[in-house]
């Protein structure tokens, strides 16, 4: 069964960079580019809260 792209994530606490629709959802949610999102996940892991805090410090 294919992914339902109307859903943004199974777990909104974890960022998955494997699914394009999830990357799009997170970049829109944070108001950042895909590159910035990927850099943040690389720096602090895939916890949405950790990424949110990391990005807030970089504004």
C-alpha atoms as a PDB file:
ATOM      1  CA  UNK A   1       0.000   0.000   0.000  1.00  0.00           C
ATOM      2  CA  UNK A   2       1.387   3.393  -0.973  1.00  0.00           C
ATOM      3  CA  UNK A   3       1.978   6.213   1.477  1.00  0.00           C
ATOM      4  CA  UNK A   4      -0.969   8.510   2.011  1.00  0.00           C
ATOM      5  CA  UNK A   5       0.531  11.872   1.072  1.00  0.00           C
ATOM      6  CA  UNK A   6      -2.336  13.721   2.708  1.00  0.00           C
ATOM      7  CA  UNK A   7      -0.786  12.734   6.019  1.00  0.00           C
ATOM      8  CA  UNK A   8       2.377  14.584   6.956  1.00  0.00           C
ATOM      9  CA  UNK A   9       3.861  12.124   9.436  1.00  0.00           C
ATOM     10  CA  UNK A  10       2.979   9.191  11.614  1.00  0.00           C
ATOM     11  CA  UNK A  11       4.752  10.759  14.551  1.00  0.00           C
ATOM     12  CA  UNK A  12       4.934  14.542  14.712  1.00  0.00           C
ATOM     13  CA  UNK A  13       7.695  14.274  17.324  1.00  0.00           C
ATOM     14  CA  UNK A  14      10.175  12.712  14.901  1.00  0.00           C
ATOM     15  CA  UNK A  15      11.434  14.172  11.639  1.00  0.00           C
ATOM     16  CA  UNK A  16      11.836  11.745   8.772  1.00  0.00           C
ATOM     17  CA  UNK A  17      13.912  12.911   5.835  1.00  0.00           C
ATOM     18  CA  UNK A  18      13.156   9.776   3.828  1.00  0.00           C
ATOM     19  CA  UNK A  19       9.716  10.785   2.505  1.00  0.00           C
ATOM     20  CA  UNK A  20       9.471  13.856   0.252  1.00  0.00           C
ATOM     21  CA  UNK A  21       6.033  14.806   1.583  1.00  0.00           C
ATOM     22  CA  UNK A  22       7.366  14.764   5.144  1.00  0.00           C
ATOM     23  CA  UNK A  23      10.369  16.931   4.212  1.00  0.00           C
ATOM     24  CA  UNK A  24       7.965  19.367   2.544  1.00  0.00           C
ATOM     25  CA  UNK A  25       5.724  19.390   5.622  1.00  0.00           C
ATOM     26  CA  UNK A  26       8.608  20.056   8.028  1.00  0.00           C
ATOM     27  CA  UNK A  27      10.153  22.795   5.888  1.00  0.00           C
ATOM     28  CA  UNK A  28       6.770  24.530   5.730  1.00  0.00           C
ATOM     29  CA  UNK A  29       6.235  24.048   9.455  1.00  0.00           C
ATOM     30  CA  UNK A  30       9.608  25.557  10.376  1.00  0.00           C
ATOM     31  CA  UNK A  31       9.677  28.132   7.574  1.00  0.00           C
ATOM     32  CA  UNK A  32      13.113  26.924   6.512  1.00  0.00           C
ATOM     33  CA  UNK A  33      14.684  25.425   3.406  1.00  0.00           C
ATOM     34  CA  UNK A  34      15.287  21.722   2.929  1.00  0.00           C
ATOM     35  CA  UNK A  35      19.037  22.295   3.286  1.00  0.00           C
ATOM     36  CA  UNK A  36      18.520  24.066   6.622  1.00  0.00           C
ATOM     37  CA  UNK A  37      16.262  21.250   7.821  1.00  0.00           C
ATOM     38  CA  UNK A  38      18.793  18.596   6.814  1.00  0.00           C
ATOM     39  CA  UNK A  39      21.629  20.522   8.494  1.00  0.00           C
ATOM     40  CA  UNK A  40      19.599  20.821  11.702  1.00  0.00           C
ATOM     41  CA  UNK A  41      18.758  17.108  11.756  1.00  0.00           C
ATOM     42  CA  UNK A  42      22.417  16.281  11.139  1.00  0.00           C
ATOM     43  CA  UNK A  43      23.417  18.539  14.043  1.00  0.00           C
ATOM     44  CA  UNK A  44      20.871  17.542  16.700  1.00  0.00           C
ATOM     45  CA  UNK A  45      19.105  14.391  15.517  1.00  0.00           C
ATOM     46  CA  UNK A  46      15.551  13.797  14.339  1.00  0.00           C
ATOM     47  CA  UNK A  47      13.640  15.051  17.384  1.00  0.00           C
ATOM     48  CA  UNK A  48      11.252  17.755  16.193  1.00  0.00           C
ATOM     49  CA  UNK A  49      11.669  19.704  19.435  1.00  0.00           C
ATOM     50  CA  UNK A  50      15.475  19.581  19.260  1.00  0.00           C
ATOM     51  CA  UNK A  51      15.389  20.764  15.640  1.00  0.00           C
ATOM     52  CA  UNK A  52      12.915  23.531  16.543  1.00  0.00           C
ATOM     53  CA  UNK A  53      15.231  24.781  19.294  1.00  0.00           C
ATOM     54  CA  UNK A  54      18.306  24.543  17.065  1.00  0.00           C
ATOM     55  CA  UNK A  55      16.654  26.520  14.291  1.00  0.00           C
ATOM     56  CA  UNK A  56      15.353  29.144  16.725  1.00  0.00           C
ATOM     57  CA  UNK A  57      18.913  29.818  17.883  1.00  0.00           C
ATOM     58  CA  UNK A  58      20.083  30.270  14.284  1.00  0.00           C
ATOM     59  CA  UNK A  59      17.626  33.046  13.373  1.00  0.00           C
END
